[in-house]
N, C-alpha and C. Protein backbone atom coordinates (compact mmCIF):
# COMPACT_ATOMS: atom_id res chain seq x y z
N MET A 1 97.93 -12.37 -52.58
CA MET A 1 96.57 -11.93 -52.47
C MET A 1 95.80 -12.69 -51.40
N SER A 2 96.02 -13.94 -51.26
CA SER A 2 95.27 -14.71 -50.26
C SER A 2 95.66 -14.29 -48.85
N GLY A 3 96.80 -13.70 -48.66
CA GLY A 3 97.23 -13.26 -47.34
C GLY A 3 96.54 -11.97 -46.90
N ASP A 4 95.96 -11.23 -47.84
CA ASP A 4 95.31 -9.97 -47.51
C ASP A 4 93.90 -10.16 -46.93
N LEU A 5 93.22 -11.25 -47.25
CA LEU A 5 91.85 -11.47 -46.79
C LEU A 5 91.85 -12.05 -45.38
N ASP A 6 91.05 -11.48 -44.51
CA ASP A 6 90.92 -11.98 -43.14
C ASP A 6 89.59 -12.71 -43.03
N LEU A 7 89.63 -14.04 -43.01
CA LEU A 7 88.40 -14.85 -42.99
C LEU A 7 88.03 -15.33 -41.60
N SER A 8 88.67 -14.81 -40.58
CA SER A 8 88.34 -15.24 -39.21
C SER A 8 87.01 -14.61 -38.78
N PRO A 9 86.26 -15.28 -37.91
CA PRO A 9 84.97 -14.71 -37.47
C PRO A 9 85.20 -13.43 -36.67
N PRO A 10 84.28 -12.51 -36.77
CA PRO A 10 84.44 -11.24 -36.05
C PRO A 10 84.32 -11.46 -34.54
N GLU A 11 84.94 -10.61 -33.79
CA GLU A 11 84.89 -10.72 -32.34
C GLU A 11 83.59 -10.09 -31.84
N VAL A 12 82.74 -10.93 -31.26
CA VAL A 12 81.45 -10.47 -30.74
C VAL A 12 81.50 -10.62 -29.23
N PRO A 13 81.19 -9.55 -28.51
CA PRO A 13 81.24 -9.67 -27.05
C PRO A 13 80.14 -10.61 -26.54
N GLU A 14 80.45 -11.27 -25.44
CA GLU A 14 79.49 -12.19 -24.85
C GLU A 14 78.32 -11.38 -24.28
N PRO A 15 77.07 -11.87 -24.49
CA PRO A 15 75.91 -11.10 -24.00
C PRO A 15 75.90 -11.02 -22.48
N THR A 16 75.47 -9.87 -21.99
CA THR A 16 75.42 -9.67 -20.55
C THR A 16 74.15 -10.32 -19.98
N LEU A 17 74.04 -10.34 -18.67
CA LEU A 17 72.89 -10.93 -18.01
C LEU A 17 71.62 -10.16 -18.39
N PHE A 18 71.70 -8.83 -18.42
CA PHE A 18 70.54 -8.03 -18.79
C PHE A 18 70.08 -8.32 -20.21
N GLU A 19 71.02 -8.46 -21.14
CA GLU A 19 70.66 -8.76 -22.52
C GLU A 19 69.99 -10.12 -22.64
N GLY A 20 70.46 -11.09 -21.86
CA GLY A 20 69.85 -12.41 -21.87
C GLY A 20 68.44 -12.39 -21.31
N LEU A 21 68.25 -11.67 -20.19
CA LEU A 21 66.91 -11.55 -19.61
C LEU A 21 65.96 -10.83 -20.57
N LEU A 22 66.46 -9.79 -21.21
CA LEU A 22 65.64 -9.05 -22.15
C LEU A 22 65.24 -9.93 -23.33
N ARG A 23 66.17 -10.71 -23.82
CA ARG A 23 65.89 -11.58 -24.97
C ARG A 23 64.83 -12.60 -24.64
N TYR A 24 64.98 -13.31 -23.50
CA TYR A 24 64.01 -14.34 -23.15
C TYR A 24 62.69 -13.73 -22.69
N GLY A 25 62.73 -12.55 -22.11
CA GLY A 25 61.50 -11.87 -21.74
C GLY A 25 60.68 -11.49 -22.96
N LEU A 26 61.36 -11.07 -24.02
CA LEU A 26 60.66 -10.74 -25.25
C LEU A 26 60.04 -11.99 -25.88
N PHE A 27 60.75 -13.12 -25.81
CA PHE A 27 60.19 -14.37 -26.32
C PHE A 27 58.95 -14.77 -25.52
N LEU A 28 59.02 -14.66 -24.20
CA LEU A 28 57.87 -15.02 -23.38
C LEU A 28 56.69 -14.08 -23.64
N GLY A 29 56.96 -12.81 -23.84
CA GLY A 29 55.90 -11.86 -24.16
C GLY A 29 55.23 -12.18 -25.49
N ALA A 30 56.02 -12.57 -26.47
CA ALA A 30 55.45 -12.93 -27.77
C ALA A 30 54.60 -14.18 -27.66
N ILE A 31 55.05 -15.16 -26.90
CA ILE A 31 54.28 -16.39 -26.72
C ILE A 31 52.97 -16.08 -26.00
N PHE A 32 53.02 -15.22 -24.99
CA PHE A 32 51.81 -14.83 -24.26
C PHE A 32 50.81 -14.14 -25.19
N GLN A 33 51.29 -13.28 -26.07
CA GLN A 33 50.40 -12.60 -27.01
C GLN A 33 49.76 -13.60 -27.96
N LEU A 34 50.52 -14.57 -28.44
CA LEU A 34 49.96 -15.58 -29.33
C LEU A 34 48.88 -16.40 -28.62
N VAL A 35 49.12 -16.75 -27.36
CA VAL A 35 48.13 -17.50 -26.60
C VAL A 35 46.86 -16.67 -26.44
N CYS A 36 46.99 -15.39 -26.17
CA CYS A 36 45.82 -14.53 -26.02
C CYS A 36 45.04 -14.42 -27.33
N ILE A 37 45.74 -14.28 -28.43
CA ILE A 37 45.07 -14.20 -29.73
C ILE A 37 44.37 -15.50 -30.05
N LEU A 38 45.00 -16.63 -29.76
CA LEU A 38 44.36 -17.92 -29.99
C LEU A 38 43.14 -18.11 -29.10
N ALA A 39 43.17 -17.59 -27.89
CA ALA A 39 42.03 -17.70 -26.99
C ALA A 39 40.83 -16.92 -27.53
N ILE A 40 41.09 -15.84 -28.23
CA ILE A 40 40.01 -15.07 -28.83
C ILE A 40 39.46 -15.77 -30.06
N ILE A 41 40.35 -16.31 -30.87
CA ILE A 41 39.95 -16.92 -32.13
C ILE A 41 39.23 -18.26 -31.91
N LEU A 42 39.81 -19.11 -31.08
CA LEU A 42 39.24 -20.44 -30.87
C LEU A 42 38.08 -20.36 -29.89
N PRO A 43 36.95 -20.95 -30.26
CA PRO A 43 35.80 -20.89 -29.34
C PRO A 43 36.00 -21.81 -28.15
N THR A 44 35.56 -21.34 -27.00
CA THR A 44 35.62 -22.15 -25.79
C THR A 44 34.21 -22.25 -25.24
N SER A 45 33.39 -23.06 -25.87
CA SER A 45 31.98 -23.16 -25.49
C SER A 45 31.73 -24.27 -24.47
N LYS A 46 32.74 -24.98 -24.03
CA LYS A 46 32.54 -26.06 -23.07
C LYS A 46 31.99 -25.54 -21.75
N SER A 47 32.48 -24.42 -21.26
CA SER A 47 32.00 -23.90 -19.98
C SER A 47 30.57 -23.40 -20.11
N HIS A 48 30.20 -22.84 -21.27
CA HIS A 48 28.84 -22.37 -21.46
C HIS A 48 27.87 -23.54 -21.52
N GLU A 49 28.26 -24.64 -22.12
CA GLU A 49 27.40 -25.82 -22.18
C GLU A 49 27.16 -26.38 -20.79
N GLN A 50 28.17 -26.40 -19.95
CA GLN A 50 28.01 -26.91 -18.60
C GLN A 50 27.09 -26.01 -17.79
N GLU A 51 27.17 -24.70 -17.95
CA GLU A 51 26.31 -23.78 -17.23
C GLU A 51 24.87 -23.92 -17.67
N GLU A 52 24.63 -24.11 -18.97
CA GLU A 52 23.27 -24.25 -19.48
C GLU A 52 22.63 -25.53 -18.98
N THR A 53 23.37 -26.61 -18.88
CA THR A 53 22.80 -27.86 -18.41
C THR A 53 22.53 -27.80 -16.91
N ALA A 54 23.27 -27.01 -16.16
CA ALA A 54 23.07 -26.92 -14.72
C ALA A 54 21.96 -25.95 -14.36
N GLU A 55 21.61 -25.01 -15.22
CA GLU A 55 20.61 -23.99 -14.90
C GLU A 55 19.20 -24.54 -14.72
N PRO A 56 18.67 -25.43 -15.58
CA PRO A 56 17.29 -25.86 -15.40
C PRO A 56 17.03 -26.52 -14.04
N ALA A 57 17.96 -27.23 -13.50
CA ALA A 57 17.76 -27.89 -12.22
C ALA A 57 17.78 -26.88 -11.07
N ASP A 58 18.48 -25.77 -11.22
CA ASP A 58 18.64 -24.81 -10.14
C ASP A 58 17.72 -23.59 -10.26
N THR A 59 16.81 -23.57 -11.23
CA THR A 59 16.01 -22.37 -11.43
C THR A 59 15.09 -22.10 -10.26
N LYS A 60 14.47 -23.10 -9.68
CA LYS A 60 13.56 -22.87 -8.55
C LYS A 60 14.32 -22.38 -7.33
N GLY A 61 15.45 -22.98 -7.04
CA GLY A 61 16.23 -22.58 -5.87
C GLY A 61 16.81 -21.19 -6.02
N SER A 62 17.22 -20.84 -7.22
CA SER A 62 17.83 -19.53 -7.41
C SER A 62 16.78 -18.43 -7.41
N GLU A 63 15.55 -18.72 -7.85
CA GLU A 63 14.50 -17.71 -7.85
C GLU A 63 14.10 -17.36 -6.43
N GLN A 64 14.10 -18.33 -5.54
CA GLN A 64 13.70 -18.07 -4.17
C GLN A 64 14.77 -17.28 -3.42
N SER A 65 16.01 -17.51 -3.74
CA SER A 65 17.09 -16.85 -3.02
C SER A 65 17.38 -15.45 -3.56
N LYS A 66 16.84 -15.10 -4.73
CA LYS A 66 17.11 -13.78 -5.30
C LYS A 66 16.33 -12.72 -4.53
N LYS A 67 16.95 -11.58 -4.33
CA LYS A 67 16.31 -10.45 -3.68
C LYS A 67 16.25 -9.31 -4.67
N PRO A 68 15.27 -8.47 -4.55
CA PRO A 68 15.19 -7.34 -5.50
C PRO A 68 16.37 -6.41 -5.32
N LYS A 69 16.90 -5.96 -6.44
CA LYS A 69 18.09 -5.12 -6.41
C LYS A 69 17.76 -3.63 -6.37
N ALA A 70 16.55 -3.25 -6.63
CA ALA A 70 16.19 -1.85 -6.71
C ALA A 70 16.42 -1.11 -5.38
N PRO A 71 15.98 -1.64 -4.23
CA PRO A 71 16.21 -0.89 -2.98
C PRO A 71 17.69 -0.70 -2.68
N ILE A 72 18.52 -1.64 -3.03
CA ILE A 72 19.95 -1.53 -2.78
C ILE A 72 20.54 -0.39 -3.61
N GLN A 73 20.11 -0.28 -4.85
CA GLN A 73 20.62 0.78 -5.70
C GLN A 73 20.15 2.15 -5.21
N GLN A 74 18.93 2.23 -4.69
CA GLN A 74 18.43 3.51 -4.21
C GLN A 74 19.19 3.96 -2.98
N MET A 75 19.58 3.03 -2.12
CA MET A 75 20.32 3.38 -0.92
C MET A 75 21.71 3.90 -1.27
N ARG A 76 22.28 3.40 -2.33
CA ARG A 76 23.64 3.79 -2.70
C ARG A 76 23.70 5.17 -3.34
N GLN A 77 22.57 5.63 -3.87
CA GLN A 77 22.58 6.93 -4.54
C GLN A 77 22.74 8.04 -3.52
N LYS A 78 23.59 8.98 -3.83
CA LYS A 78 23.83 10.10 -2.95
C LYS A 78 22.81 11.20 -3.26
N PRO A 79 22.31 11.86 -2.24
CA PRO A 79 21.38 12.97 -2.51
C PRO A 79 22.12 14.10 -3.21
N LYS A 80 21.42 14.73 -4.12
CA LYS A 80 22.04 15.83 -4.87
C LYS A 80 22.18 17.05 -3.97
N LYS A 81 23.29 17.72 -4.11
CA LYS A 81 23.53 18.92 -3.33
C LYS A 81 22.82 20.10 -3.98
N GLU A 82 22.20 20.89 -3.13
CA GLU A 82 21.50 22.06 -3.63
C GLU A 82 22.48 23.23 -3.71
N SER A 83 22.32 24.03 -4.72
CA SER A 83 23.20 25.18 -4.85
C SER A 83 22.80 26.23 -3.81
N LYS A 84 23.77 26.97 -3.31
CA LYS A 84 23.52 27.94 -2.25
C LYS A 84 22.71 29.12 -2.75
N LYS A 85 23.14 29.68 -3.85
CA LYS A 85 22.45 30.85 -4.39
C LYS A 85 22.28 30.68 -5.89
N LYS A 86 21.17 31.14 -6.34
CA LYS A 86 20.95 31.17 -7.79
C LYS A 86 21.15 32.59 -8.26
N ARG A 87 21.93 32.77 -9.29
CA ARG A 87 22.21 34.12 -9.78
C ARG A 87 21.47 34.37 -11.05
């Protein structure tokens, strides 16, 4: 009876280059997704704090350099085409 059982490991073909690239690419994609999810969950308020502290000192300089945006938007608008005939 012990001679009938085959306990040797099954023959598994060696993975090809494409299978290896696919495997590690999937791992990298999963890691990238986790990093993106963590970036959404964890607050990153350090950059906002730095911008808020820098704004009060630059308010006078930035107000003088600002130009009204309304004329620029009016120039970009295309004139409406008139219909040739009304039926």
